[in-house]
């Protein structure tokens, strides 16, 4: 089924593009969530009229993302955690914890933008990619250290 995306979706494309998705994904998720419209002739004509607004909004979003990416580059977060034997953490460092640590520094990043495959469970230094927009990515460094250090 062809749909018109109303917002940027990482796995599919950017706002205003027509993409082919499975009928169930379109009917059960994209359309009810307001993320897409069915690609009917009427909706395609409507999309052409509103595409200019979408492009301008996407440009503004990209500019904001580029500004944030320049502030994020070179940021190093130090997160103290309790450790047990073999330097294994008692908990784990999650994307939400990293986003909260960034917020303390005045850098607002959603936890979903952090591309952390799985929570960090060992002490060490990790490079974490941050996807701020479909074509804008930054990299932060997270150091997990013992709490008493």
N, C-alpha and C. Protein backbone atom coordinates (compact mmCIF):
# COMPACT_ATOMS: atom_id res chain seq x y z
N UNK A 1 0.84 -1.17 0.00
CA UNK A 1 0.00 0.00 0.00
C UNK A 1 0.89 1.24 0.00
N UNK A 2 0.55 2.21 -0.82
CA UNK A 2 1.33 3.45 -0.89
C UNK A 2 0.74 4.46 0.08
N UNK A 3 1.65 5.10 0.83
CA UNK A 3 1.24 6.14 1.78
C UNK A 3 2.13 7.35 1.59
N UNK A 4 1.62 8.50 2.04
CA UNK A 4 2.37 9.76 2.04
C UNK A 4 2.78 10.02 3.48
N UNK A 5 4.07 10.13 3.72
CA UNK A 5 4.55 10.36 5.08
C UNK A 5 4.29 11.81 5.49
N UNK A 6 3.74 11.99 6.70
CA UNK A 6 3.48 13.33 7.22
C UNK A 6 4.61 13.82 8.11
N UNK A 7 5.51 12.92 8.49
CA UNK A 7 6.67 13.29 9.31
C UNK A 7 7.82 12.37 8.96
N UNK A 8 9.00 12.74 9.41
CA UNK A 8 10.19 11.93 9.15
C UNK A 8 10.13 10.65 9.96
N UNK A 9 10.32 9.53 9.29
CA UNK A 9 10.38 8.22 9.95
C UNK A 9 11.67 7.57 9.49
N UNK A 10 12.54 7.27 10.44
CA UNK A 10 13.90 6.82 10.14
C UNK A 10 13.94 5.63 9.18
N UNK A 11 13.08 4.66 9.37
CA UNK A 11 13.13 3.45 8.55
C UNK A 11 12.49 3.63 7.17
N UNK A 12 11.68 4.68 7.00
CA UNK A 12 10.93 4.83 5.75
C UNK A 12 11.37 6.01 4.89
N UNK A 13 11.48 7.18 5.48
CA UNK A 13 11.85 8.35 4.68
C UNK A 13 11.45 9.64 5.37
N UNK A 14 11.51 10.71 4.60
CA UNK A 14 11.22 12.02 5.17
C UNK A 14 9.78 12.44 4.84
N UNK A 15 9.33 13.47 5.52
CA UNK A 15 7.97 13.98 5.34
C UNK A 15 7.74 14.39 3.89
N UNK A 16 6.55 14.05 3.38
CA UNK A 16 6.18 14.43 2.03
C UNK A 16 6.51 13.39 0.97
N UNK A 17 7.20 12.34 1.33
CA UNK A 17 7.55 11.32 0.34
C UNK A 17 6.47 10.24 0.30
N UNK A 18 6.33 9.64 -0.87
CA UNK A 18 5.39 8.53 -1.05
C UNK A 18 6.20 7.24 -0.96
N UNK A 19 5.78 6.36 -0.05
CA UNK A 19 6.50 5.10 0.15
C UNK A 19 5.53 3.94 0.11
N UNK A 20 6.06 2.78 -0.19
CA UNK A 20 5.28 1.54 -0.22
C UNK A 20 5.51 0.81 1.10
N UNK A 21 4.42 0.52 1.81
CA UNK A 21 4.50 -0.23 3.07
C UNK A 21 3.43 -1.32 3.04
N UNK A 22 3.52 -2.25 3.98
CA UNK A 22 2.50 -3.29 4.04
C UNK A 22 1.18 -2.67 4.49
N UNK A 23 0.10 -3.28 4.05
CA UNK A 23 -1.23 -2.75 4.35
C UNK A 23 -1.47 -2.69 5.86
N UNK A 24 -1.07 -3.71 6.58
CA UNK A 24 -1.28 -3.74 8.03
C UNK A 24 -0.51 -2.63 8.74
N UNK A 25 0.74 -2.40 8.33
CA UNK A 25 1.55 -1.35 8.95
C UNK A 25 0.91 0.01 8.71
N UNK A 26 0.39 0.21 7.50
CA UNK A 26 -0.26 1.48 7.18
C UNK A 26 -1.56 1.65 7.97
N UNK A 27 -2.42 0.65 7.91
CA UNK A 27 -3.75 0.77 8.52
C UNK A 27 -3.74 0.70 10.04
N UNK A 28 -2.81 -0.06 10.61
CA UNK A 28 -2.81 -0.25 12.06
C UNK A 28 -1.87 0.69 12.81
N UNK A 29 -0.89 1.26 12.12
CA UNK A 29 0.06 2.11 12.84
C UNK A 29 0.20 3.50 12.23
N UNK A 30 0.65 3.57 10.97
CA UNK A 30 0.99 4.87 10.39
C UNK A 30 -0.20 5.82 10.29
N UNK A 31 -1.30 5.35 9.74
CA UNK A 31 -2.47 6.22 9.53
C UNK A 31 -3.15 6.58 10.86
N UNK A 32 -3.42 5.62 11.76
CA UNK A 32 -4.05 6.00 13.04
C UNK A 32 -3.19 6.93 13.90
N UNK A 33 -1.87 6.79 13.82
CA UNK A 33 -0.97 7.64 14.60
C UNK A 33 -0.78 9.01 13.97
N UNK A 34 -1.34 9.22 12.79
CA UNK A 34 -1.21 10.51 12.12
C UNK A 34 0.15 10.71 11.48
N UNK A 35 0.86 9.63 11.23
CA UNK A 35 2.20 9.72 10.65
C UNK A 35 2.17 9.64 9.12
N UNK A 36 1.02 9.22 8.56
CA UNK A 36 0.93 9.07 7.11
C UNK A 36 -0.52 9.19 6.66
N UNK A 37 -0.67 9.43 5.36
CA UNK A 37 -1.98 9.44 4.70
C UNK A 37 -1.95 8.41 3.59
N UNK A 38 -3.11 7.82 3.29
CA UNK A 38 -3.17 6.92 2.15
C UNK A 38 -2.93 7.73 0.88
N UNK A 39 -2.18 7.17 -0.06
CA UNK A 39 -1.79 7.90 -1.27
C UNK A 39 -2.90 7.84 -2.32
N UNK A 40 -4.03 8.51 -2.06
CA UNK A 40 -5.11 8.61 -3.03
C UNK A 40 -4.85 9.83 -3.90
N UNK A 41 -5.50 9.92 -5.07
CA UNK A 41 -5.29 11.10 -5.92
C UNK A 41 -5.59 12.42 -5.19
N UNK A 42 -6.63 12.44 -4.37
CA UNK A 42 -6.96 13.65 -3.62
C UNK A 42 -5.89 14.01 -2.60
N UNK A 43 -5.39 13.00 -1.90
CA UNK A 43 -4.33 13.25 -0.92
C UNK A 43 -3.03 13.64 -1.59
N UNK A 44 -2.76 13.09 -2.77
CA UNK A 44 -1.55 13.47 -3.51
C UNK A 44 -1.61 14.94 -3.92
N UNK A 45 -2.80 15.40 -4.36
CA UNK A 45 -2.96 16.81 -4.72
C UNK A 45 -2.81 17.70 -3.49
N UNK A 46 -3.39 17.28 -2.38
CA UNK A 46 -3.25 18.02 -1.12
C UNK A 46 -1.79 18.06 -0.67
N UNK A 47 -1.09 16.96 -0.87
CA UNK A 47 0.31 16.89 -0.49
C UNK A 47 1.15 17.87 -1.29
N UNK A 48 0.85 18.02 -2.56
CA UNK A 48 1.59 18.97 -3.40
C UNK A 48 1.43 20.40 -2.87
N UNK A 49 0.23 20.72 -2.39
CA UNK A 49 -0.01 22.06 -1.85
C UNK A 49 0.73 22.28 -0.54
N UNK A 50 0.80 21.27 0.29
CA UNK A 50 1.43 21.43 1.61
C UNK A 50 2.90 21.04 1.63
N UNK A 51 3.41 20.55 0.51
CA UNK A 51 4.80 20.10 0.47
C UNK A 51 5.77 21.25 0.76
N UNK A 52 5.45 22.44 0.31
CA UNK A 52 6.32 23.60 0.55
C UNK A 52 6.45 23.84 2.06
N UNK A 53 5.33 23.76 2.79
CA UNK A 53 5.38 23.94 4.24
C UNK A 53 6.21 22.84 4.89
N UNK A 54 6.04 21.61 4.42
CA UNK A 54 6.79 20.48 4.99
C UNK A 54 8.29 20.65 4.75
N UNK A 55 8.64 21.10 3.55
CA UNK A 55 10.05 21.29 3.23
C UNK A 55 10.65 22.38 4.11
N UNK A 56 9.91 23.47 4.31
CA UNK A 56 10.39 24.54 5.17
C UNK A 56 10.53 24.06 6.62
N UNK A 57 9.55 23.29 7.09
CA UNK A 57 9.62 22.76 8.46
C UNK A 57 10.79 21.79 8.59
N UNK A 58 11.02 20.97 7.57
CA UNK A 58 12.14 20.02 7.61
C UNK A 58 13.48 20.77 7.60
N UNK A 59 13.55 21.87 6.85
CA UNK A 59 14.77 22.68 6.83
C UNK A 59 15.04 23.30 8.20
N UNK A 60 13.98 23.81 8.84
CA UNK A 60 14.14 24.38 10.19
C UNK A 60 14.58 23.30 11.18
N UNK A 61 13.96 22.13 11.07
CA UNK A 61 14.31 21.01 11.96
C UNK A 61 15.77 20.60 11.75
N UNK A 62 16.20 20.56 10.49
CA UNK A 62 17.58 20.19 10.19
C UNK A 62 18.55 21.24 10.72
N UNK A 63 18.21 22.53 10.59
CA UNK A 63 19.07 23.59 11.11
C UNK A 63 19.22 23.50 12.63
N UNK A 64 18.11 23.24 13.32
CA UNK A 64 18.15 23.08 14.77
C UNK A 64 18.99 21.86 15.13
N UNK A 65 18.82 20.77 14.37
CA UNK A 65 19.58 19.55 14.63
C UNK A 65 21.07 19.77 14.38
N UNK A 66 21.42 20.52 13.34
CA UNK A 66 22.83 20.80 13.07
C UNK A 66 23.45 21.64 14.19
N UNK A 67 22.68 22.61 14.70
CA UNK A 67 23.19 23.43 15.81
C UNK A 67 23.41 22.58 17.06
N UNK A 68 22.47 21.69 17.34
CA UNK A 68 22.61 20.81 18.50
C UNK A 68 23.76 19.82 18.29
N UNK A 69 23.92 19.34 17.05
CA UNK A 69 25.01 18.40 16.76
C UNK A 69 26.36 19.05 16.99
N UNK A 70 26.50 20.32 16.63
CA UNK A 70 27.77 21.00 16.85
C UNK A 70 28.04 21.17 18.35
N UNK A 71 26.99 21.36 19.15
CA UNK A 71 27.17 21.45 20.60
C UNK A 71 27.47 20.09 21.22
N UNK A 72 26.92 19.02 20.63
CA UNK A 72 27.12 17.67 21.18
C UNK A 72 28.50 17.10 20.86
N UNK A 73 29.06 17.47 19.71
CA UNK A 73 30.36 16.90 19.32
C UNK A 73 31.40 17.23 20.38
N UNK A 74 32.10 16.23 20.81
CA UNK A 74 33.15 16.43 21.80
C UNK A 74 32.66 16.39 23.24
N UNK A 75 31.36 16.22 23.45
CA UNK A 75 30.83 16.14 24.82
C UNK A 75 31.22 14.79 25.42
N UNK A 76 31.74 14.83 26.63
CA UNK A 76 32.06 13.61 27.36
C UNK A 76 31.27 13.60 28.65
N UNK A 77 30.47 12.57 28.84
CA UNK A 77 29.69 12.42 30.06
C UNK A 77 30.39 11.42 30.96
N UNK A 78 30.47 11.72 32.23
CA UNK A 78 31.01 10.78 33.20
C UNK A 78 29.85 10.34 34.09
N UNK A 79 29.56 9.05 34.05
CA UNK A 79 28.43 8.52 34.81
C UNK A 79 28.97 7.55 35.86
N UNK A 80 28.89 7.92 37.15
CA UNK A 80 29.34 7.00 38.20
C UNK A 80 28.27 5.94 38.48
N UNK A 81 28.70 4.71 38.65
CA UNK A 81 27.80 3.59 38.92
C UNK A 81 28.40 2.68 39.98
N UNK A 82 27.55 2.02 40.75
CA UNK A 82 28.03 1.02 41.71
C UNK A 82 28.50 -0.20 40.94
N UNK A 83 29.62 -0.76 41.39
CA UNK A 83 30.17 -1.93 40.70
C UNK A 83 30.37 -3.08 41.68
N UNK A 84 30.33 -4.27 41.13
CA UNK A 84 30.59 -5.48 41.90
C UNK A 84 31.92 -6.06 41.47
N UNK A 85 32.05 -7.34 41.66
CA UNK A 85 33.30 -7.99 41.27
C UNK A 85 33.43 -8.02 39.76
N UNK A 86 34.65 -8.09 39.30
CA UNK A 86 34.98 -8.11 37.87
C UNK A 86 34.50 -6.84 37.16
N UNK A 87 34.41 -5.74 37.90
CA UNK A 87 34.00 -4.44 37.35
C UNK A 87 32.67 -4.49 36.61
N UNK A 88 31.80 -5.37 37.06
CA UNK A 88 30.47 -5.48 36.47
C UNK A 88 29.52 -4.56 37.24
N UNK A 89 28.70 -3.83 36.54
CA UNK A 89 27.78 -2.87 37.17
C UNK A 89 26.64 -3.59 37.88
N UNK A 90 26.16 -3.00 38.98
CA UNK A 90 24.99 -3.54 39.68
C UNK A 90 23.71 -3.28 38.90
N UNK A 91 23.71 -2.31 38.09
CA UNK A 91 22.57 -2.02 37.23
C UNK A 91 23.10 -1.92 35.82
N UNK A 92 22.58 -0.99 35.09
CA UNK A 92 23.12 -0.73 33.76
C UNK A 92 22.88 0.74 33.45
N UNK A 93 23.63 1.24 32.50
CA UNK A 93 23.47 2.62 32.05
C UNK A 93 22.59 2.57 30.81
N UNK A 94 21.42 3.19 30.89
CA UNK A 94 20.46 3.15 29.80
C UNK A 94 20.46 4.45 29.01
N UNK A 95 19.77 4.43 27.90
CA UNK A 95 19.64 5.63 27.07
C UNK A 95 18.94 6.74 27.85
N UNK A 96 17.98 6.39 28.69
CA UNK A 96 17.27 7.39 29.50
C UNK A 96 18.23 8.07 30.48
N UNK A 97 19.15 7.31 31.07
CA UNK A 97 20.12 7.89 32.00
C UNK A 97 21.07 8.84 31.27
N UNK A 98 21.47 8.46 30.07
CA UNK A 98 22.38 9.30 29.29
C UNK A 98 21.66 10.59 28.88
N UNK A 99 20.39 10.47 28.46
CA UNK A 99 19.60 11.65 28.08
C UNK A 99 19.43 12.58 29.28
N UNK A 100 19.22 12.02 30.47
CA UNK A 100 19.08 12.84 31.68
C UNK A 100 20.39 13.55 32.00
N UNK A 101 21.52 12.87 31.83
CA UNK A 101 22.82 13.49 32.08
C UNK A 101 23.09 14.61 31.08
N UNK A 102 22.65 14.44 29.84
CA UNK A 102 22.79 15.50 28.84
C UNK A 102 21.89 16.69 29.19
N UNK A 103 20.69 16.41 29.69
CA UNK A 103 19.76 17.48 30.07
C UNK A 103 20.33 18.33 31.19
N UNK A 104 21.06 17.71 32.12
CA UNK A 104 21.70 18.45 33.21
C UNK A 104 22.70 19.46 32.64
N UNK A 105 23.33 19.11 31.53
CA UNK A 105 24.30 20.01 30.89
C UNK A 105 23.62 20.98 29.92
N UNK A 106 22.29 20.96 29.86
CA UNK A 106 21.56 21.88 29.00
C UNK A 106 21.43 21.41 27.56
N UNK A 107 21.64 20.13 27.32
CA UNK A 107 21.53 19.57 25.97
C UNK A 107 20.32 18.63 25.94
N UNK A 108 19.23 19.11 25.36
CA UNK A 108 18.00 18.32 25.34
C UNK A 108 18.02 17.32 24.19
N UNK A 109 18.13 16.05 24.54
CA UNK A 109 18.13 14.96 23.58
C UNK A 109 17.16 13.91 24.08
N UNK A 110 16.28 13.43 23.21
CA UNK A 110 15.34 12.38 23.58
C UNK A 110 16.09 11.05 23.64
N UNK A 111 15.70 10.19 24.55
CA UNK A 111 16.39 8.90 24.70
C UNK A 111 16.30 8.06 23.43
N UNK A 112 15.26 8.26 22.64
CA UNK A 112 15.09 7.49 21.41
C UNK A 112 16.08 7.92 20.33
N UNK A 113 16.66 9.10 20.48
CA UNK A 113 17.64 9.58 19.51
C UNK A 113 19.02 8.97 19.76
N UNK A 114 19.24 8.44 20.95
CA UNK A 114 20.51 7.80 21.27
C UNK A 114 20.51 6.39 20.69
N UNK A 115 21.48 6.09 19.87
CA UNK A 115 21.54 4.78 19.22
C UNK A 115 22.37 3.82 20.08
N UNK A 116 21.78 3.46 21.20
CA UNK A 116 22.40 2.54 22.15
C UNK A 116 21.76 1.18 21.92
N UNK A 117 22.52 0.24 21.35
CA UNK A 117 21.97 -1.07 20.99
C UNK A 117 21.45 -1.80 22.22
N UNK A 118 22.21 -1.77 23.30
CA UNK A 118 21.78 -2.39 24.55
C UNK A 118 22.38 -1.60 25.70
N UNK A 119 21.79 -1.69 26.88
CA UNK A 119 22.32 -0.94 28.01
C UNK A 119 23.78 -1.30 28.31
N UNK A 120 24.52 -0.34 28.82
CA UNK A 120 25.94 -0.54 29.14
C UNK A 120 26.02 -1.23 30.50
N UNK A 121 26.76 -2.35 30.56
CA UNK A 121 26.84 -3.13 31.79
C UNK A 121 28.26 -3.30 32.31
N UNK A 122 29.22 -2.62 31.69
CA UNK A 122 30.62 -2.71 32.12
C UNK A 122 31.18 -1.31 32.28
N UNK A 123 32.20 -1.18 33.12
CA UNK A 123 32.92 0.08 33.21
C UNK A 123 33.66 0.32 31.91
N UNK A 124 33.91 1.57 31.58
CA UNK A 124 34.68 1.86 30.38
C UNK A 124 34.21 3.12 29.69
N UNK A 125 34.79 3.35 28.53
CA UNK A 125 34.47 4.51 27.71
C UNK A 125 33.76 4.02 26.45
N UNK A 126 32.64 4.65 26.14
CA UNK A 126 31.82 4.23 25.01
C UNK A 126 31.51 5.44 24.13
N UNK A 127 31.57 5.24 22.82
CA UNK A 127 31.14 6.26 21.86
C UNK A 127 29.71 5.95 21.47
N UNK A 128 28.82 6.90 21.70
CA UNK A 128 27.40 6.70 21.45
C UNK A 128 26.95 7.63 20.32
N UNK A 129 26.47 7.08 19.20
CA UNK A 129 25.93 7.94 18.14
C UNK A 129 24.55 8.48 18.54
N UNK A 130 24.28 9.72 18.13
CA UNK A 130 23.01 10.38 18.40
C UNK A 130 22.42 10.82 17.07
N UNK A 131 21.25 10.28 16.71
CA UNK A 131 20.60 10.67 15.46
C UNK A 131 19.59 11.77 15.77
N UNK A 132 19.95 12.99 15.37
CA UNK A 132 19.13 14.16 15.67
C UNK A 132 18.08 14.43 14.59
N UNK A 133 18.36 14.05 13.37
CA UNK A 133 17.45 14.17 12.24
C UNK A 133 17.86 13.06 11.27
N UNK A 134 17.05 12.80 10.25
CA UNK A 134 17.40 11.69 9.36
C UNK A 134 18.81 11.78 8.78
N UNK A 135 19.28 12.99 8.49
CA UNK A 135 20.61 13.11 7.89
C UNK A 135 21.62 13.78 8.82
N UNK A 136 21.25 14.00 10.08
CA UNK A 136 22.15 14.67 11.03
C UNK A 136 22.45 13.72 12.18
N UNK A 137 23.74 13.44 12.36
CA UNK A 137 24.18 12.54 13.41
C UNK A 137 25.32 13.19 14.17
N UNK A 138 25.39 12.95 15.47
CA UNK A 138 26.49 13.43 16.30
C UNK A 138 27.01 12.25 17.11
N UNK A 139 28.13 12.44 17.76
CA UNK A 139 28.73 11.38 18.57
C UNK A 139 29.10 11.95 19.93
N UNK A 140 28.70 11.27 20.98
CA UNK A 140 29.11 11.67 22.32
C UNK A 140 29.91 10.53 22.94
N UNK A 141 30.69 10.87 23.96
CA UNK A 141 31.48 9.88 24.67
C UNK A 141 30.92 9.74 26.08
N UNK A 142 30.69 8.50 26.49
CA UNK A 142 30.19 8.22 27.83
C UNK A 142 31.23 7.40 28.57
N UNK A 143 31.66 7.92 29.71
CA UNK A 143 32.60 7.20 30.57
C UNK A 143 31.83 6.68 31.77
N UNK A 144 31.84 5.37 31.95
CA UNK A 144 31.20 4.77 33.11
C UNK A 144 32.31 4.45 34.10
N UNK A 145 32.24 5.09 35.28
CA UNK A 145 33.29 4.96 36.28
C UNK A 145 32.70 4.40 37.58
N UNK A 146 33.54 3.83 38.45
CA UNK A 146 33.03 3.37 39.75
C UNK A 146 32.52 4.54 40.58
N UNK A 147 31.47 4.31 41.35
CA UNK A 147 30.82 5.38 42.11
C UNK A 147 31.75 6.01 43.14
N UNK A 148 32.65 5.26 43.73
CA UNK A 148 33.52 5.78 44.78
C UNK A 148 34.79 6.42 44.25
N UNK A 149 34.98 6.44 42.94
CA UNK A 149 36.23 6.96 42.38
C UNK A 149 36.24 8.46 42.31
